[in-house]
């Protein structure tokens, strides 16, 4: 495996480590979806890098899955859609006066 692919996978693994840490802290569990999306995105990009493909500067799991579908088997991509939607609709918390 090439060095850049390994770096992408290490970054994905780091996101999974963060998830493990924040699951035990109720005030941080809302960040699980973000780090889940990040881990999947980085894994898809690692696969593309390893296959010698250009890694696009996009974050959509649906688009990244489409670019990798010849290498992957997934019967249900609803999670990709859900995480994409959560990432794109991340709201800035409102502060009440």
Foldseek 3Di string as FASTA:
>chain_A
DDPVLVVLQVLLVVLVVVQVVCVVPVVRNVCNLVSNLSSLLSNLQSVCVVVVHDRDPDSQSVVSCVVCVVPDDDPDCVSSVVSNVCVVPPDDDDDDD
